[in-house]
């Protein structure tokens, strides 16, 4: 994890990178609202996407804690928070894939072995993350799953699915977040590449939520409800 040393002091305690805290809190609040809205559809596709969005929001909270506290509470505390952040990010990737895969295969039926294989892969990644605790692993796999999702929704966009164009736009915006974070594009020391990437993620999540919301309404009007097994 890369640190910057802007800070404020609250009741004698130093909070590093306060803008990371602010942008992550906005991300979390948005994710919580989107999760509640999508979960209400009581549909497998909607709920997979709802969990994807929620995991991103909660991961952001742990990320803001890690950046704010640094090593003031000890190495063990920091490593635990960092592991939780990376683990939740990996789970969000899993739910992102599962939602896109279900949407792609819903007409012919999703293959259980595919989901089992992906779960096993995520477990393996969690073990590697526990050992290495590196965010780069999350970025690589997030990019892979985003490419898969982009292909899926691009196919359905051509078939006039109501929300797929929003999801495609949201995924393309999400790539900008990865690029910004990887290239460390800064505007100011108090609004650096981390803060910019979070703002981009907020915009991306809104577009994805809008698309999933429209697609969920369309699915419920066409096919029987399939209750999610969360």
Protein backbone atom coordinates (compact mmCIF):
# COMPACT_ATOMS: atom_id res chain seq x y z
CA UNK A 1 0.00 0.00 0.00
CA UNK A 2 1.32 3.42 -0.98
CA UNK A 3 1.11 6.24 1.57
CA UNK A 4 0.91 10.00 1.32
CA UNK A 5 1.35 12.15 4.36
CA UNK A 6 -1.30 14.83 4.30
CA UNK A 7 -3.04 14.67 7.66
CA UNK A 8 -5.33 16.31 10.18
CA UNK A 9 -5.32 15.93 13.96
CA UNK A 10 -8.53 14.93 15.76
CA UNK A 11 -8.45 14.91 19.59
CA UNK A 12 -4.73 14.31 19.50
CA UNK A 13 -4.93 11.43 17.01
CA UNK A 14 -3.40 11.84 13.56
CA UNK A 15 -5.65 10.96 10.63
CA UNK A 16 -3.56 10.60 7.50
CA UNK A 17 -4.92 11.19 3.98
CA UNK A 18 -8.28 12.71 5.02
CA UNK A 19 -9.53 13.00 1.43
CA UNK A 20 -9.22 9.23 1.06
CA UNK A 21 -11.54 8.91 4.06
CA UNK A 22 -14.06 11.38 2.58
CA UNK A 23 -14.17 9.82 -0.88
CA UNK A 24 -14.39 6.28 0.54
CA UNK A 25 -17.26 7.29 2.84
CA UNK A 26 -19.15 8.71 -0.15
CA UNK A 27 -18.43 5.49 -2.04
CA UNK A 28 -19.70 3.39 0.87
CA UNK A 29 -22.90 5.45 1.32
CA UNK A 30 -23.65 5.18 -2.40
CA UNK A 31 -22.94 1.43 -2.42
CA UNK A 32 -25.20 0.87 0.58
CA UNK A 33 -28.10 2.65 -1.12
CA UNK A 34 -27.60 0.79 -4.41
CA UNK A 35 -27.36 -2.53 -2.54
CA UNK A 36 -30.67 -1.91 -0.78
CA UNK A 37 -32.42 -0.98 -4.02
CA UNK A 38 -31.13 -3.96 -6.02
CA UNK A 39 -31.61 -6.51 -3.23
CA UNK A 40 -35.32 -5.68 -3.16
CA UNK A 41 -35.76 -7.30 -6.58
CA UNK A 42 -35.36 -10.73 -4.96
CA UNK A 43 -33.77 -12.01 -8.17
CA UNK A 44 -30.52 -13.93 -8.52
CA UNK A 45 -29.01 -11.55 -11.07
CA UNK A 46 -29.97 -8.44 -9.08
CA UNK A 47 -28.66 -9.85 -5.82
CA UNK A 48 -25.31 -10.93 -7.27
CA UNK A 49 -24.81 -7.41 -8.55
CA UNK A 50 -26.06 -5.96 -5.25
CA UNK A 51 -23.41 -7.97 -3.37
CA UNK A 52 -20.76 -6.88 -5.87
CA UNK A 53 -21.54 -3.22 -5.16
CA UNK A 54 -21.78 -3.73 -1.39
CA UNK A 55 -18.41 -5.49 -1.20
CA UNK A 56 -16.78 -2.58 -3.02
CA UNK A 57 -18.29 -0.12 -0.55
CA UNK A 58 -17.23 -2.06 2.56
CA UNK A 59 -13.78 -2.67 1.12
CA UNK A 60 -13.44 1.08 0.71
CA UNK A 61 -14.15 1.59 4.42
CA UNK A 62 -11.33 -0.76 5.40
CA UNK A 63 -9.11 0.96 2.86
CA UNK A 64 -9.79 4.35 4.42
CA UNK A 65 -8.99 2.93 7.88
CA UNK A 66 -5.65 1.58 6.65
CA UNK A 67 -4.73 4.90 5.04
CA UNK A 68 -5.92 6.98 7.98
CA UNK A 69 -4.25 5.01 10.76
CA UNK A 70 -1.10 3.78 9.01
CA UNK A 71 1.00 1.99 11.64
CA UNK A 72 -0.11 4.01 14.65
CA UNK A 73 -1.97 1.01 16.12
CA UNK A 74 0.73 -1.51 15.24
CA UNK A 75 1.73 -3.74 12.36
CA UNK A 76 -0.76 -6.51 13.23
CA UNK A 77 -3.72 -4.12 13.18
CA UNK A 78 -2.61 -2.63 9.87
CA UNK A 79 -2.05 -6.03 8.22
CA UNK A 80 -5.46 -7.26 9.39
CA UNK A 81 -7.26 -4.22 7.98
CA UNK A 82 -5.32 -4.49 4.72
CA UNK A 83 -6.18 -8.20 4.38
CA UNK A 84 -9.88 -7.47 4.96
CA UNK A 85 -9.81 -4.72 2.33
CA UNK A 86 -8.16 -6.97 -0.26
CA UNK A 87 -10.40 -9.93 0.60
CA UNK A 88 -13.60 -7.93 0.22
CA UNK A 89 -12.32 -6.57 -3.09
CA UNK A 90 -11.76 -10.13 -4.30
CA UNK A 91 -15.28 -11.10 -3.20
CA UNK A 92 -16.66 -8.14 -5.13
CA UNK A 93 -14.87 -9.46 -8.21
CA UNK A 94 -16.49 -12.87 -7.64
CA UNK A 95 -20.00 -11.41 -7.44
CA UNK A 96 -19.31 -9.19 -10.47
CA UNK A 97 -18.39 -12.28 -12.49
CA UNK A 98 -21.32 -14.33 -11.17
CA UNK A 99 -23.83 -11.63 -12.09
CA UNK A 100 -22.45 -11.21 -15.59
CA UNK A 101 -22.19 -14.98 -16.12
CA UNK A 102 -25.78 -15.53 -15.01
CA UNK A 103 -26.97 -12.76 -17.31
CA UNK A 104 -25.08 -14.32 -20.22
CA UNK A 105 -26.28 -17.90 -19.59
CA UNK A 106 -29.79 -17.30 -18.22
CA UNK A 107 -31.49 -18.47 -21.43
CA UNK A 108 -29.60 -21.78 -21.61
CA UNK A 109 -28.95 -22.24 -17.89
CA UNK A 110 -25.86 -21.42 -15.86
CA UNK A 111 -23.38 -24.26 -15.35
CA UNK A 112 -22.77 -25.00 -11.66
CA UNK A 113 -19.23 -26.17 -12.33
CA UNK A 114 -18.31 -22.72 -13.60
CA UNK A 115 -19.33 -21.06 -10.34
CA UNK A 116 -17.61 -23.79 -8.32
CA UNK A 117 -14.39 -23.30 -10.30
CA UNK A 118 -14.54 -19.54 -9.79
CA UNK A 119 -15.15 -19.97 -6.04
CA UNK A 120 -12.11 -22.27 -5.80
CA UNK A 121 -10.02 -19.73 -7.67
CA UNK A 122 -11.14 -16.95 -5.32
CA UNK A 123 -10.25 -19.10 -2.29
CA UNK A 124 -6.80 -19.62 -3.80
CA UNK A 125 -6.47 -15.87 -4.32
CA UNK A 126 -7.53 -15.23 -0.72
CA UNK A 127 -4.76 -17.55 0.49
CA UNK A 128 -2.22 -15.76 -1.71
CA UNK A 129 -3.53 -12.42 -0.46
CA UNK A 130 -3.17 -13.58 3.15
CA UNK A 131 0.49 -14.40 2.46
CA UNK A 132 1.42 -11.40 0.30
CA UNK A 133 -1.25 -8.80 1.19
CA UNK A 134 -0.75 -6.93 -2.11
CA UNK A 135 -3.43 -4.81 -3.81
CA UNK A 136 -1.89 -5.40 -7.25
CA UNK A 137 -3.42 -8.90 -7.28
CA UNK A 138 -6.86 -7.35 -6.87
CA UNK A 139 -6.28 -4.87 -9.70
CA UNK A 140 -5.18 -7.60 -12.12
CA UNK A 141 -8.20 -9.82 -11.50
CA UNK A 142 -10.57 -6.86 -11.41
CA UNK A 143 -9.34 -5.96 -14.87
CA UNK A 144 -9.91 -9.52 -16.15
CA UNK A 145 -13.46 -9.70 -14.80
CA UNK A 146 -14.28 -6.21 -16.06
CA UNK A 147 -13.19 -7.24 -19.58
CA UNK A 148 -15.44 -10.33 -19.35
CA UNK A 149 -18.36 -8.20 -18.13
CA UNK A 150 -17.74 -5.62 -20.83
CA UNK A 151 -17.98 -8.32 -23.50
CA UNK A 152 -21.18 -9.76 -22.00
CA UNK A 153 -23.03 -6.46 -21.76
CA UNK A 154 -21.73 -5.25 -25.11
CA UNK A 155 -23.36 -8.31 -26.70
CA UNK A 156 -26.68 -7.57 -24.99
CA UNK A 157 -26.39 -3.87 -25.70
CA UNK A 158 -26.73 -4.70 -29.38
CA UNK A 159 -29.95 -6.56 -28.54
CA UNK A 160 -31.48 -3.45 -26.97
CA UNK A 161 -31.44 -4.64 -23.36
CA UNK A 162 -32.51 -1.53 -21.46
CA UNK A 163 -29.69 -1.28 -18.94
CA UNK A 164 -26.71 -2.82 -20.71
CA UNK A 165 -25.58 0.45 -22.27
CA UNK A 166 -25.31 1.97 -18.80
CA UNK A 167 -23.32 -1.01 -17.51
CA UNK A 168 -20.96 -0.85 -20.51
CA UNK A 169 -20.43 2.86 -19.82
CA UNK A 170 -19.87 2.14 -16.12
CA UNK A 171 -17.27 -0.54 -16.85
CA UNK A 172 -15.39 1.75 -19.24
CA UNK A 173 -15.38 4.43 -16.54
CA UNK A 174 -14.10 1.81 -14.04
CA UNK A 175 -11.10 1.18 -16.29
CA UNK A 176 -10.26 4.88 -15.96
CA UNK A 177 -10.10 4.38 -12.20
CA UNK A 178 -7.62 1.50 -12.59
CA UNK A 179 -5.53 3.52 -15.05
CA UNK A 180 -5.55 6.62 -12.81
CA UNK A 181 -4.47 4.58 -9.79
CA UNK A 182 -1.78 2.66 -11.68
CA UNK A 183 -0.28 5.77 -13.34
CA UNK A 184 -0.65 7.86 -10.17
CA UNK A 185 -2.27 10.81 -11.90
CA UNK A 186 -2.36 13.66 -9.37
CA UNK A 187 -4.09 17.05 -9.24
CA UNK A 188 -2.81 18.13 -5.84
CA UNK A 189 -1.24 16.54 -2.76
CA UNK A 190 -4.63 16.91 -1.03
CA UNK A 191 -6.43 15.40 -4.02
CA UNK A 192 -4.15 12.79 -5.49
CA UNK A 193 -4.53 9.71 -7.68
CA UNK A 194 -6.26 7.76 -4.90
CA UNK A 195 -8.90 10.44 -4.41
CA UNK A 196 -9.40 10.85 -8.16
CA UNK A 197 -9.79 7.11 -8.68
CA UNK A 198 -12.38 6.98 -5.88
CA UNK A 199 -14.42 9.75 -7.51
CA UNK A 200 -14.26 7.86 -10.80
CA UNK A 201 -15.39 4.68 -9.00
CA UNK A 202 -18.37 6.56 -7.53
CA UNK A 203 -19.43 7.60 -11.04
CA UNK A 204 -18.81 4.07 -12.34
CA UNK A 205 -20.92 2.46 -9.61
CA UNK A 206 -23.82 4.79 -10.34
CA UNK A 207 -23.83 3.86 -14.02
CA UNK A 208 -23.58 0.14 -13.23
CA UNK A 209 -26.35 0.40 -10.64
CA UNK A 210 -28.58 2.26 -13.12
CA UNK A 211 -27.99 -0.44 -15.73
CA UNK A 212 -28.57 -3.35 -13.35
CA UNK A 213 -31.74 -1.67 -12.07
CA UNK A 214 -33.15 -1.36 -15.60
CA UNK A 215 -32.10 -4.90 -16.53
CA UNK A 216 -33.65 -6.27 -13.34
CA UNK A 217 -36.99 -4.67 -14.11
CA UNK A 218 -36.81 -6.11 -17.61
CA UNK A 219 -35.95 -9.62 -16.34
CA UNK A 220 -38.82 -9.66 -13.87
CA UNK A 221 -41.26 -8.65 -16.56
CA UNK A 222 -40.11 -11.45 -18.88
CA UNK A 223 -39.27 -14.49 -16.75
CA UNK A 224 -40.37 -16.02 -13.43
CA UNK A 225 -38.54 -14.74 -10.38
CA UNK A 226 -35.56 -16.84 -9.39
CA UNK A 227 -34.79 -16.21 -5.76
CA UNK A 228 -31.13 -15.73 -5.07
CA UNK A 229 -29.28 -18.12 -2.84
CA UNK A 230 -27.02 -15.60 -1.20
